[in-house]
Amino acid sequence: MTAPPDTVPARDDAAVIERSRHEPERFGEIFDAYFAEIHRYVARRLGAQTADDLAAETFAIAFRRRGAYDGSRANARPWLYGIATNLIGRHRRDERRRLRALDRVDRRDTALDEEDALTARLSAEGARGPLARAVAALPSGQRDALLLVVLGGLSYEEVATALDVPFGTVSSRINRARKKLRTALGGTNPLLDDQERP
């Protein structure tokens, strides 16, 4: 289970990242603190095999960009989730292009498209039919925001940081996603807030 979204790490990530600019080995503290969590998030979105590569790439990119890290943010978690989410999006676009190219070469419909692959992955995680189809049908911005909250355990503020969008955009994306899921599931909502629970 992920840490509660409002938990602030005991260490000041910004200070660690700043020191890593002159002592690169210090960035290992960020890797050690967050790799397993980022890997879990990517694995839940794309599968374990892909997660190995994308989680590693997330930290390679973070290391290269550490000089541009916003030192006013003590917690690097949303920054890392943002990088991972961008890599997931790029992976999906590349996969979609690859599948289209294969389809042009070989018209046999043997490859799953992106939504079918996401549905299969969600089903493997315990979601069933209608929920998996409803999540797969969400626009990518809504799906990313929702899955960062549900799978990553990020707060709305952290999602805003991760996706580099305003807090209000995150709120509206998740609200729209919930309405669409509720409609697709015949009026039930598996993502109830504490205030919404009976």
N, C-alpha and C. Protein backbone atom coordinates (compact mmCIF):
# COMPACT_ATOMS: atom_id res chain seq x y z
N MET A 1 0.85 -1.18 0.00
CA MET A 1 0.00 0.00 0.00
C MET A 1 0.89 1.24 0.00
N THR A 2 0.50 2.24 -0.74
CA THR A 2 1.30 3.46 -0.82
C THR A 2 1.06 4.31 0.42
N ALA A 3 2.01 5.18 0.68
CA ALA A 3 1.89 6.09 1.83
C ALA A 3 0.75 7.06 1.58
N PRO A 4 0.11 7.54 2.63
CA PRO A 4 -0.94 8.54 2.43
C PRO A 4 -0.39 9.73 1.65
N PRO A 5 -1.20 10.29 0.72
CA PRO A 5 -0.71 11.35 -0.14
C PRO A 5 -0.17 12.57 0.60
N ASP A 6 -0.66 12.84 1.81
CA ASP A 6 -0.21 14.04 2.50
C ASP A 6 1.02 13.79 3.37
N THR A 7 1.57 12.58 3.29
CA THR A 7 2.77 12.28 4.06
C THR A 7 3.96 12.98 3.43
N VAL A 8 4.70 13.73 4.22
CA VAL A 8 5.89 14.43 3.73
C VAL A 8 7.10 13.61 4.14
N PRO A 9 8.01 13.33 3.21
CA PRO A 9 9.16 12.52 3.59
C PRO A 9 10.00 13.22 4.66
N ALA A 10 10.66 12.41 5.50
CA ALA A 10 11.49 12.97 6.56
C ALA A 10 12.67 13.74 5.96
N ARG A 11 13.14 13.29 4.83
CA ARG A 11 14.28 13.96 4.19
C ARG A 11 13.75 15.07 3.29
N ASP A 12 14.54 16.07 3.09
CA ASP A 12 14.21 17.16 2.17
C ASP A 12 14.76 16.78 0.80
N ASP A 13 13.88 16.30 -0.08
CA ASP A 13 14.31 15.86 -1.41
C ASP A 13 15.01 16.97 -2.18
N ALA A 14 14.53 18.19 -2.04
CA ALA A 14 15.13 19.31 -2.77
C ALA A 14 16.59 19.48 -2.36
N ALA A 15 16.88 19.34 -1.07
CA ALA A 15 18.26 19.47 -0.60
C ALA A 15 19.13 18.34 -1.13
N VAL A 16 18.57 17.13 -1.16
CA VAL A 16 19.31 15.98 -1.69
C VAL A 16 19.62 16.19 -3.16
N ILE A 17 18.62 16.63 -3.92
CA ILE A 17 18.81 16.86 -5.35
C ILE A 17 19.82 17.97 -5.58
N GLU A 18 19.75 19.03 -4.78
CA GLU A 18 20.72 20.12 -4.90
C GLU A 18 22.14 19.62 -4.66
N ARG A 19 22.32 18.82 -3.60
CA ARG A 19 23.66 18.28 -3.32
C ARG A 19 24.12 17.35 -4.43
N SER A 20 23.17 16.65 -5.07
CA SER A 20 23.54 15.70 -6.13
C SER A 20 24.08 16.41 -7.38
N ARG A 21 23.86 17.70 -7.48
CA ARG A 21 24.42 18.45 -8.61
C ARG A 21 25.94 18.44 -8.56
N HIS A 22 26.50 18.43 -7.35
CA HIS A 22 27.95 18.43 -7.17
C HIS A 22 28.47 17.06 -6.73
N GLU A 23 27.58 16.27 -6.16
CA GLU A 23 27.92 14.91 -5.73
C GLU A 23 26.88 13.97 -6.35
N PRO A 24 27.05 13.59 -7.62
CA PRO A 24 26.03 12.82 -8.33
C PRO A 24 25.57 11.55 -7.62
N GLU A 25 26.44 10.93 -6.85
CA GLU A 25 26.07 9.70 -6.15
C GLU A 25 24.96 9.93 -5.13
N ARG A 26 24.77 11.17 -4.68
CA ARG A 26 23.71 11.49 -3.72
C ARG A 26 22.32 11.26 -4.30
N PHE A 27 22.20 11.31 -5.65
CA PHE A 27 20.90 11.09 -6.26
C PHE A 27 20.39 9.68 -5.97
N GLY A 28 21.29 8.79 -5.60
CA GLY A 28 20.89 7.44 -5.21
C GLY A 28 19.89 7.43 -4.07
N GLU A 29 19.93 8.46 -3.22
CA GLU A 29 18.94 8.55 -2.12
C GLU A 29 17.53 8.72 -2.68
N ILE A 30 17.40 9.51 -3.74
CA ILE A 30 16.09 9.70 -4.36
C ILE A 30 15.64 8.39 -5.02
N PHE A 31 16.57 7.75 -5.70
CA PHE A 31 16.28 6.46 -6.34
C PHE A 31 15.81 5.46 -5.28
N ASP A 32 16.58 5.31 -4.21
CA ASP A 32 16.24 4.35 -3.16
C ASP A 32 14.89 4.65 -2.52
N ALA A 33 14.58 5.92 -2.36
CA ALA A 33 13.33 6.30 -1.69
C ALA A 33 12.10 6.06 -2.55
N TYR A 34 12.22 6.19 -3.88
CA TYR A 34 11.02 6.20 -4.72
C TYR A 34 10.96 5.16 -5.83
N PHE A 35 12.05 4.45 -6.09
CA PHE A 35 12.03 3.54 -7.24
C PHE A 35 10.92 2.49 -7.14
N ALA A 36 10.81 1.82 -6.02
CA ALA A 36 9.82 0.75 -5.88
C ALA A 36 8.40 1.28 -6.10
N GLU A 37 8.11 2.46 -5.58
CA GLU A 37 6.78 3.06 -5.73
C GLU A 37 6.49 3.41 -7.19
N ILE A 38 7.46 4.02 -7.86
CA ILE A 38 7.28 4.38 -9.28
C ILE A 38 7.16 3.11 -10.11
N HIS A 39 7.96 2.12 -9.83
CA HIS A 39 7.90 0.84 -10.56
C HIS A 39 6.51 0.22 -10.41
N ARG A 40 5.99 0.21 -9.20
CA ARG A 40 4.66 -0.36 -8.94
C ARG A 40 3.60 0.37 -9.76
N TYR A 41 3.68 1.70 -9.79
CA TYR A 41 2.71 2.50 -10.54
C TYR A 41 2.77 2.16 -12.03
N VAL A 42 3.96 2.14 -12.60
CA VAL A 42 4.10 1.84 -14.03
C VAL A 42 3.63 0.41 -14.31
N ALA A 43 3.98 -0.53 -13.43
CA ALA A 43 3.57 -1.93 -13.62
C ALA A 43 2.05 -2.07 -13.62
N ARG A 44 1.39 -1.33 -12.77
CA ARG A 44 -0.07 -1.40 -12.71
C ARG A 44 -0.71 -0.80 -13.95
N ARG A 45 0.01 0.12 -14.60
CA ARG A 45 -0.52 0.74 -15.81
C ARG A 45 -0.15 -0.03 -17.07
N LEU A 46 1.08 -0.59 -17.11
CA LEU A 46 1.57 -1.18 -18.36
C LEU A 46 2.06 -2.62 -18.23
N GLY A 47 2.14 -3.16 -17.04
CA GLY A 47 2.65 -4.51 -16.87
C GLY A 47 4.08 -4.49 -16.34
N ALA A 48 4.45 -5.57 -15.66
CA ALA A 48 5.74 -5.63 -14.97
C ALA A 48 6.94 -5.54 -15.91
N GLN A 49 6.87 -6.19 -17.05
CA GLN A 49 8.01 -6.19 -17.95
C GLN A 49 8.34 -4.78 -18.46
N THR A 50 7.33 -4.05 -18.86
CA THR A 50 7.52 -2.68 -19.34
C THR A 50 7.95 -1.77 -18.19
N ALA A 51 7.45 -2.06 -16.99
CA ALA A 51 7.76 -1.23 -15.83
C ALA A 51 9.25 -1.21 -15.53
N ASP A 52 9.92 -2.32 -15.73
CA ASP A 52 11.36 -2.35 -15.46
C ASP A 52 12.07 -1.26 -16.25
N ASP A 53 11.77 -1.19 -17.54
CA ASP A 53 12.43 -0.20 -18.41
C ASP A 53 11.98 1.22 -18.11
N LEU A 54 10.66 1.43 -18.00
CA LEU A 54 10.16 2.80 -17.84
C LEU A 54 10.48 3.38 -16.46
N ALA A 55 10.48 2.56 -15.43
CA ALA A 55 10.85 3.07 -14.10
C ALA A 55 12.32 3.48 -14.10
N ALA A 56 13.15 2.65 -14.70
CA ALA A 56 14.58 3.00 -14.79
C ALA A 56 14.76 4.27 -15.61
N GLU A 57 14.03 4.38 -16.72
CA GLU A 57 14.13 5.58 -17.55
C GLU A 57 13.64 6.83 -16.81
N THR A 58 12.62 6.66 -15.97
CA THR A 58 12.12 7.78 -15.17
C THR A 58 13.25 8.38 -14.34
N PHE A 59 14.03 7.53 -13.70
CA PHE A 59 15.10 8.02 -12.84
C PHE A 59 16.30 8.51 -13.65
N ALA A 60 16.52 7.94 -14.81
CA ALA A 60 17.60 8.45 -15.68
C ALA A 60 17.27 9.87 -16.14
N ILE A 61 16.01 10.09 -16.52
CA ILE A 61 15.59 11.43 -16.92
C ILE A 61 15.65 12.39 -15.74
N ALA A 62 15.17 11.95 -14.58
CA ALA A 62 15.21 12.80 -13.38
C ALA A 62 16.66 13.18 -13.05
N PHE A 63 17.56 12.23 -13.17
CA PHE A 63 18.97 12.52 -12.89
C PHE A 63 19.50 13.57 -13.86
N ARG A 64 19.20 13.40 -15.15
CA ARG A 64 19.68 14.37 -16.14
C ARG A 64 19.06 15.75 -15.93
N ARG A 65 17.83 15.81 -15.44
CA ARG A 65 17.12 17.09 -15.26
C ARG A 65 17.22 17.64 -13.85
N ARG A 66 18.03 17.04 -13.01
CA ARG A 66 18.09 17.46 -11.61
C ARG A 66 18.51 18.91 -11.45
N GLY A 67 19.26 19.43 -12.41
CA GLY A 67 19.68 20.83 -12.35
C GLY A 67 18.52 21.81 -12.49
N ALA A 68 17.42 21.35 -13.09
CA ALA A 68 16.26 22.22 -13.28
C ALA A 68 15.17 21.97 -12.23
N TYR A 69 15.45 21.09 -11.26
CA TYR A 69 14.45 20.78 -10.24
C TYR A 69 14.09 22.03 -9.45
N ASP A 70 12.79 22.22 -9.20
CA ASP A 70 12.29 23.36 -8.43
C ASP A 70 12.60 23.14 -6.95
N GLY A 71 13.60 23.82 -6.45
CA GLY A 71 14.05 23.66 -5.08
C GLY A 71 13.03 24.06 -4.02
N SER A 72 11.95 24.73 -4.43
CA SER A 72 10.92 25.09 -3.45
C SER A 72 10.02 23.90 -3.11
N ARG A 73 10.18 22.82 -3.84
CA ARG A 73 9.36 21.61 -3.60
C ARG A 73 10.20 20.60 -2.83
N ALA A 74 9.92 20.44 -1.56
CA ALA A 74 10.70 19.54 -0.72
C ALA A 74 10.48 18.08 -1.08
N ASN A 75 9.33 17.76 -1.66
CA ASN A 75 8.98 16.38 -1.98
C ASN A 75 9.11 16.14 -3.48
N ALA A 76 9.98 15.23 -3.89
CA ALA A 76 10.22 14.94 -5.31
C ALA A 76 9.20 13.96 -5.88
N ARG A 77 8.36 13.39 -5.07
CA ARG A 77 7.42 12.36 -5.50
C ARG A 77 6.54 12.80 -6.68
N PRO A 78 5.85 13.95 -6.62
CA PRO A 78 5.02 14.35 -7.76
C PRO A 78 5.84 14.57 -9.04
N TRP A 79 7.03 15.10 -8.91
CA TRP A 79 7.92 15.32 -10.06
C TRP A 79 8.24 13.99 -10.74
N LEU A 80 8.55 12.97 -9.94
CA LEU A 80 8.87 11.66 -10.50
C LEU A 80 7.64 11.01 -11.14
N TYR A 81 6.48 11.14 -10.50
CA TYR A 81 5.25 10.61 -11.09
C TYR A 81 4.93 11.32 -12.40
N GLY A 82 5.21 12.61 -12.49
CA GLY A 82 4.99 13.35 -13.73
C GLY A 82 5.86 12.82 -14.86
N ILE A 83 7.13 12.57 -14.55
CA ILE A 83 8.03 12.01 -15.56
C ILE A 83 7.54 10.64 -15.98
N ALA A 84 7.17 9.80 -15.02
CA ALA A 84 6.69 8.45 -15.33
C ALA A 84 5.41 8.49 -16.18
N THR A 85 4.50 9.39 -15.85
CA THR A 85 3.25 9.50 -16.61
C THR A 85 3.53 9.93 -18.05
N ASN A 86 4.46 10.86 -18.23
CA ASN A 86 4.83 11.26 -19.60
C ASN A 86 5.43 10.10 -20.36
N LEU A 87 6.26 9.30 -19.72
CA LEU A 87 6.85 8.14 -20.38
C LEU A 87 5.78 7.10 -20.73
N ILE A 88 4.80 6.93 -19.86
CA ILE A 88 3.69 6.01 -20.15
C ILE A 88 2.95 6.48 -21.39
N GLY A 89 2.66 7.78 -21.46
CA GLY A 89 1.99 8.33 -22.63
C GLY A 89 2.79 8.13 -23.89
N ARG A 90 4.09 8.37 -23.82
CA ARG A 90 4.95 8.17 -24.99
C ARG A 90 4.98 6.70 -25.39
N HIS A 91 5.05 5.82 -24.39
CA HIS A 91 5.05 4.38 -24.67
C HIS A 91 3.77 3.97 -25.40
N ARG A 92 2.64 4.48 -24.94
CA ARG A 92 1.37 4.15 -25.59
C ARG A 92 1.32 4.67 -27.03
N ARG A 93 1.79 5.90 -27.23
CA ARG A 93 1.79 6.45 -28.59
C ARG A 93 2.69 5.63 -29.50
N ASP A 94 3.86 5.26 -29.00
CA ASP A 94 4.77 4.43 -29.80
C ASP A 94 4.14 3.07 -30.10
N GLU A 95 3.49 2.50 -29.09
CA GLU A 95 2.84 1.21 -29.27
C GLU A 95 1.72 1.32 -30.30
N ARG A 96 0.94 2.39 -30.21
CA ARG A 96 -0.14 2.60 -31.17
C ARG A 96 0.40 2.72 -32.59
N ARG A 97 1.47 3.49 -32.77
CA ARG A 97 2.09 3.62 -34.11
C ARG A 97 2.61 2.28 -34.61
N ARG A 98 3.24 1.53 -33.71
CA ARG A 98 3.77 0.22 -34.07
C ARG A 98 2.64 -0.71 -34.50
N LEU A 99 1.55 -0.69 -33.76
CA LEU A 99 0.42 -1.56 -34.10
C LEU A 99 -0.22 -1.15 -35.42
N ARG A 100 -0.32 0.15 -35.66
CA ARG A 100 -0.87 0.61 -36.94
C ARG A 100 0.02 0.17 -38.09
N ALA A 101 1.34 0.27 -37.89
CA ALA A 101 2.27 -0.16 -38.94
C ALA A 101 2.13 -1.65 -39.19
N LEU A 102 2.02 -2.42 -38.12
CA LEU A 102 1.84 -3.87 -38.29
C LEU A 102 0.53 -4.17 -39.00
N ASP A 103 -0.50 -3.40 -38.66
CA ASP A 103 -1.80 -3.62 -39.28
C ASP A 103 -1.74 -3.32 -40.79
N ARG A 104 -0.98 -2.31 -41.16
CA ARG A 104 -0.85 -2.01 -42.59
C ARG A 104 -0.12 -3.12 -43.32
N VAL A 105 0.88 -3.69 -42.65
CA VAL A 105 1.66 -4.76 -43.27
C VAL A 105 0.87 -6.06 -43.27
N ASP A 106 0.20 -6.34 -42.19
CA ASP A 106 -0.52 -7.60 -42.03
C ASP A 106 -1.91 -7.29 -41.48
N ARG A 107 -2.92 -7.40 -42.30
CA ARG A 107 -4.28 -7.01 -41.92
C ARG A 107 -4.95 -7.99 -40.96
N ARG A 108 -4.26 -9.03 -40.56
CA ARG A 108 -4.85 -9.95 -39.58
C ARG A 108 -4.95 -9.23 -38.25
N ASP A 109 -6.11 -9.17 -37.67
CA ASP A 109 -6.32 -8.45 -36.41
C ASP A 109 -5.88 -9.30 -35.23
N THR A 110 -4.57 -9.51 -35.12
CA THR A 110 -4.07 -10.34 -34.03
C THR A 110 -3.54 -9.52 -32.87
N ALA A 111 -3.23 -8.26 -33.09
CA ALA A 111 -2.66 -7.43 -32.02
C ALA A 111 -3.77 -6.67 -31.31
N LEU A 112 -3.62 -6.54 -30.01
CA LEU A 112 -4.58 -5.75 -29.23
C LEU A 112 -4.27 -4.27 -29.41
N ASP A 113 -5.31 -3.44 -29.48
CA ASP A 113 -5.04 -2.01 -29.52
C ASP A 113 -4.83 -1.52 -28.08
N GLU A 114 -4.52 -0.26 -27.96
CA GLU A 114 -4.16 0.29 -26.65
C GLU A 114 -5.26 0.08 -25.61
N GLU A 115 -6.50 0.35 -25.95
CA GLU A 115 -7.58 0.21 -24.98
C GLU A 115 -7.79 -1.24 -24.57
N ASP A 116 -7.69 -2.17 -25.52
CA ASP A 116 -7.82 -3.58 -25.18
C ASP A 116 -6.69 -4.01 -24.24
N ALA A 117 -5.48 -3.52 -24.51
CA ALA A 117 -4.35 -3.86 -23.65
C ALA A 117 -4.55 -3.30 -22.25
N LEU A 118 -5.04 -2.06 -22.14
CA LEU A 118 -5.30 -1.47 -20.82
C LEU A 118 -6.39 -2.26 -20.11
N THR A 119 -7.44 -2.63 -20.83
CA THR A 119 -8.52 -3.40 -20.23
C THR A 119 -7.99 -4.73 -19.70
N ALA A 120 -7.15 -5.38 -20.48
CA ALA A 120 -6.58 -6.65 -20.03
C ALA A 120 -5.73 -6.45 -18.78
N ARG A 121 -4.92 -5.39 -18.75
CA ARG A 121 -4.08 -5.13 -17.58
C ARG A 121 -4.94 -4.83 -16.35
N LEU A 122 -5.97 -4.02 -16.53
CA LEU A 122 -6.84 -3.70 -15.40
C LEU A 122 -7.55 -4.95 -14.91
N SER A 123 -7.98 -5.80 -15.84
CA SER A 123 -8.63 -7.04 -15.45
C SER A 123 -7.68 -7.90 -14.63
N ALA A 124 -6.43 -7.92 -15.04
CA ALA A 124 -5.44 -8.70 -14.32
C ALA A 124 -5.25 -8.15 -12.91
N GLU A 125 -5.50 -6.88 -12.70
CA GLU A 125 -5.36 -6.27 -11.39
C GLU A 125 -6.64 -6.45 -10.56
N GLY A 126 -7.64 -7.10 -11.09
CA GLY A 126 -8.84 -7.35 -10.30
C GLY A 126 -10.06 -6.59 -10.78
N ALA A 127 -9.90 -5.65 -11.68
CA ALA A 127 -11.07 -4.95 -12.22
C ALA A 127 -11.78 -5.90 -13.17
N ARG A 128 -13.06 -5.78 -13.29
CA ARG A 128 -13.82 -6.67 -14.15
C ARG A 128 -14.55 -5.87 -15.21
N GLY A 129 -14.79 -6.52 -16.31
CA GLY A 129 -15.52 -6.04 -17.47
C GLY A 129 -15.88 -4.58 -17.55
N PRO A 130 -17.06 -4.21 -17.05
CA PRO A 130 -17.54 -2.83 -17.26
C PRO A 130 -16.60 -1.77 -16.71
N LEU A 131 -16.00 -1.98 -15.54
CA LEU A 131 -15.10 -0.98 -14.97
C LEU A 131 -13.86 -0.83 -15.86
N ALA A 132 -13.28 -1.93 -16.26
CA ALA A 132 -12.08 -1.87 -17.11
C ALA A 132 -12.39 -1.17 -18.42
N ARG A 133 -13.52 -1.49 -19.03
CA ARG A 133 -13.89 -0.84 -20.30
C ARG A 133 -14.13 0.65 -20.08
N ALA A 134 -14.76 1.00 -18.97
CA ALA A 134 -15.05 2.42 -18.69
C ALA A 134 -13.76 3.20 -18.47
N VAL A 135 -12.82 2.64 -17.74
CA VAL A 135 -11.54 3.32 -17.51
C VAL A 135 -10.78 3.45 -18.83
N ALA A 136 -10.78 2.38 -19.62
CA ALA A 136 -10.07 2.42 -20.91
C ALA A 136 -10.67 3.45 -21.86
N ALA A 137 -11.98 3.72 -21.73
CA ALA A 137 -12.65 4.65 -22.63
C ALA A 137 -12.47 6.12 -22.22
N LEU A 138 -11.93 6.38 -21.03
CA LEU A 138 -11.74 7.76 -20.59
C LEU A 138 -10.70 8.46 -21.47
N PRO A 139 -10.87 9.76 -21.71
CA PRO A 139 -9.81 10.52 -22.40
C PRO A 139 -8.52 10.42 -21.59
N SER A 140 -7.39 10.49 -22.26
CA SER A 140 -6.10 10.24 -21.59
C SER A 140 -5.86 11.16 -20.41
N GLY A 141 -6.22 12.44 -20.50
CA GLY A 141 -6.02 13.36 -19.38
C GLY A 141 -6.80 12.94 -18.14
N GLN A 142 -8.05 12.52 -18.34
CA GLN A 142 -8.87 12.06 -17.22
C GLN A 142 -8.33 10.74 -16.68
N ARG A 143 -7.95 9.83 -17.58
CA ARG A 143 -7.43 8.53 -17.16
C ARG A 143 -6.13 8.71 -16.36
N ASP A 144 -5.22 9.57 -16.85
CA ASP A 144 -3.96 9.79 -16.14
C ASP A 144 -4.21 10.36 -14.76
N ALA A 145 -5.05 11.37 -14.65
CA ALA A 145 -5.34 11.98 -13.35
C ALA A 145 -5.95 10.95 -12.40
N LEU A 146 -6.93 10.21 -12.88
CA LEU A 146 -7.61 9.21 -12.07
C LEU A 146 -6.64 8.13 -11.59
N LEU A 147 -5.82 7.62 -12.49
CA LEU A 147 -4.92 6.53 -12.13
C LEU A 147 -3.76 7.00 -11.24
N LEU A 148 -3.38 8.26 -11.36
CA LEU A 148 -2.37 8.78 -10.42
C LEU A 148 -2.93 8.81 -9.00
N VAL A 149 -4.22 9.10 -8.87
CA VAL A 149 -4.86 9.10 -7.55
C VAL A 149 -5.07 7.66 -7.07
N VAL A 150 -5.68 6.84 -7.94
CA VAL A 150 -6.07 5.49 -7.52
C VAL A 150 -4.87 4.55 -7.40
N LEU A 151 -4.01 4.52 -8.40
CA LEU A 151 -2.89 3.59 -8.39
C LEU A 151 -1.65 4.18 -7.72
N GLY A 152 -1.43 5.47 -7.91
CA GLY A 152 -0.24 6.10 -7.34
C GLY A 152 -0.44 6.64 -5.95
N GLY A 153 -1.69 6.83 -5.54
CA GLY A 153 -1.97 7.36 -4.21
C GLY A 153 -1.61 8.83 -4.06
N LEU A 154 -1.55 9.57 -5.16
CA LEU A 154 -1.20 10.98 -5.09
C LEU A 154 -2.42 11.81 -4.70
N SER A 155 -2.18 12.92 -4.03
CA SER A 155 -3.24 13.88 -3.73
C SER A 155 -3.52 14.67 -5.00
N TYR A 156 -4.62 15.41 -5.03
CA TYR A 156 -4.94 16.22 -6.20
C TYR A 156 -3.82 17.24 -6.45
N GLU A 157 -3.28 17.82 -5.38
CA GLU A 157 -2.18 18.79 -5.54
C GLU A 157 -0.97 18.12 -6.16
N GLU A 158 -0.66 16.90 -5.73
CA GLU A 158 0.48 16.18 -6.31
C GLU A 158 0.23 15.82 -7.77
N VAL A 159 -1.02 15.47 -8.10
CA VAL A 159 -1.35 15.18 -9.49
C VAL A 159 -1.16 16.44 -10.33
N ALA A 160 -1.59 17.57 -9.81
CA ALA A 160 -1.42 18.83 -10.54
C ALA A 160 0.06 19.08 -10.83
N THR A 161 0.89 18.84 -9.84
CA THR A 161 2.33 19.00 -10.03
C THR A 161 2.85 17.98 -11.04
N ALA A 162 2.44 16.73 -10.89
CA ALA A 162 2.93 15.66 -11.77
C ALA A 162 2.56 15.92 -13.23
N LEU A 163 1.35 16.39 -13.47
CA LEU A 163 0.88 16.60 -14.84
C LEU A 163 1.12 18.03 -15.32
N ASP A 164 1.62 18.89 -14.43
CA ASP A 164 1.88 20.29 -14.75
C ASP A 164 0.62 20.99 -15.26
N VAL A 165 -0.47 20.80 -14.50
CA VAL A 165 -1.74 21.45 -14.80
C VAL A 165 -2.26 22.08 -13.51
N PRO A 166 -3.16 23.05 -13.61
CA PRO A 166 -3.72 23.66 -12.40
C PRO A 166 -4.53 22.66 -11.56
N PHE A 167 -4.59 22.93 -10.27
CA PHE A 167 -5.35 22.10 -9.33
C PHE A 167 -6.80 21.93 -9.81
N GLY A 168 -7.41 23.02 -10.28
CA GLY A 168 -8.80 22.97 -10.75
C GLY A 168 -8.98 22.03 -11.92
N THR A 169 -7.98 21.95 -12.79
CA THR A 169 -8.04 21.04 -13.93
C THR A 169 -8.06 19.60 -13.45
N VAL A 170 -7.22 19.30 -12.45
CA VAL A 170 -7.21 17.94 -11.88
C VAL A 170 -8.57 17.62 -11.30
N SER A 171 -9.12 18.54 -10.51
CA SER A 171 -10.43 18.32 -9.89
C SER A 171 -11.50 18.06 -10.94
N SER A 172 -11.51 18.87 -12.00
CA SER A 172 -12.55 18.68 -13.02
C SER A 172 -12.33 17.39 -13.80
N ARG A 173 -11.07 17.03 -14.08
CA ARG A 173 -10.81 15.78 -14.80
C ARG A 173 -11.28 14.57 -14.00
N ILE A 174 -10.98 14.59 -12.71
CA ILE A 174 -11.37 13.45 -11.87
C ILE A 174 -12.88 13.44 -11.68
N ASN A 175 -13.49 14.60 -11.53
CA ASN A 175 -14.95 14.67 -11.40
C ASN A 175 -15.62 14.11 -12.66
N ARG A 176 -15.13 14.53 -13.83
CA ARG A 176 -15.69 14.01 -15.10
C ARG A 176 -15.47 12.51 -15.22
N ALA A 177 -14.27 12.05 -14.84
CA ALA A 177 -13.99 10.62 -14.91
C ALA A 177 -14.94 9.84 -14.01
N ARG A 178 -15.17 10.34 -12.81
CA ARG A 178 -16.09 9.66 -11.88
C ARG A 178 -17.51 9.60 -12.45
N LYS A 179 -17.96 10.71 -13.03
CA LYS A 179 -19.31 10.72 -13.62
C LYS A 179 -19.41 9.70 -14.75
N LYS A 180 -18.38 9.64 -15.59
CA LYS A 180 -18.40 8.68 -16.70
C LYS A 180 -18.37 7.25 -16.18
N LEU A 181 -17.56 7.00 -15.16
CA LEU A 181 -17.50 5.65 -14.59
C LEU A 181 -18.83 5.29 -13.94
N ARG A 182 -19.42 6.25 -13.21
CA ARG A 182 -20.70 6.01 -12.56
C ARG A 182 -21.77 5.66 -13.59
N THR A 183 -21.81 6.42 -14.69
CA THR A 183 -22.77 6.15 -15.76
C THR A 183 -22.53 4.78 -16.38
N ALA A 184 -21.27 4.48 -16.67
CA ALA A 184 -20.93 3.20 -17.30
C ALA A 184 -21.25 2.01 -16.39
N LEU A 185 -21.24 2.24 -15.08
CA LEU A 185 -21.50 1.16 -14.12
C LEU A 185 -22.93 1.18 -13.59
N GLY A 186 -23.81 1.86 -14.29
CA GLY A 186 -25.22 1.85 -13.92
C GLY A 186 -25.54 2.61 -12.65
N GLY A 187 -24.80 3.66 -12.39
CA GLY A 187 -25.12 4.51 -11.24
C GLY A 187 -24.29 4.26 -10.01
N THR A 188 -23.46 3.20 -9.98
CA THR A 188 -22.60 2.97 -8.83
C THR A 188 -21.23 3.58 -9.10
N ASN A 189 -20.56 4.01 -8.05
CA ASN A 189 -19.25 4.63 -8.20
C ASN A 189 -18.25 3.90 -7.32
N PRO A 190 -17.29 3.20 -7.91
CA PRO A 190 -16.30 2.48 -7.10
C PRO A 190 -15.26 3.39 -6.49
N LEU A 191 -15.29 4.67 -6.80
CA LEU A 191 -14.27 5.61 -6.35
C LEU A 191 -14.84 6.65 -5.41
N LEU A 192 -15.69 6.24 -4.49
CA LEU A 192 -16.35 7.19 -3.61
C LEU A 192 -15.37 7.88 -2.69
N ASP A 193 -15.56 9.18 -2.50
CA ASP A 193 -14.85 9.92 -1.46
C ASP A 193 -15.44 9.51 -0.13
N ASP A 194 -14.72 9.77 0.95
CA ASP A 194 -15.25 9.46 2.28
C ASP A 194 -16.58 10.17 2.53
N GLN A 195 -16.72 11.41 2.00
CA GLN A 195 -17.94 12.16 2.20
C GLN A 195 -19.12 11.53 1.45
N GLU A 196 -18.83 10.76 0.38
CA GLU A 196 -19.90 10.20 -0.43
C GLU A 196 -20.36 8.85 0.07
N ARG A 197 -19.58 8.23 0.97
CA ARG A 197 -19.94 6.88 1.43
C ARG A 197 -21.21 6.95 2.29
N PRO A 198 -22.10 5.92 2.15
CA PRO A 198 -23.32 5.91 2.95
C PRO A 198 -23.03 5.80 4.43
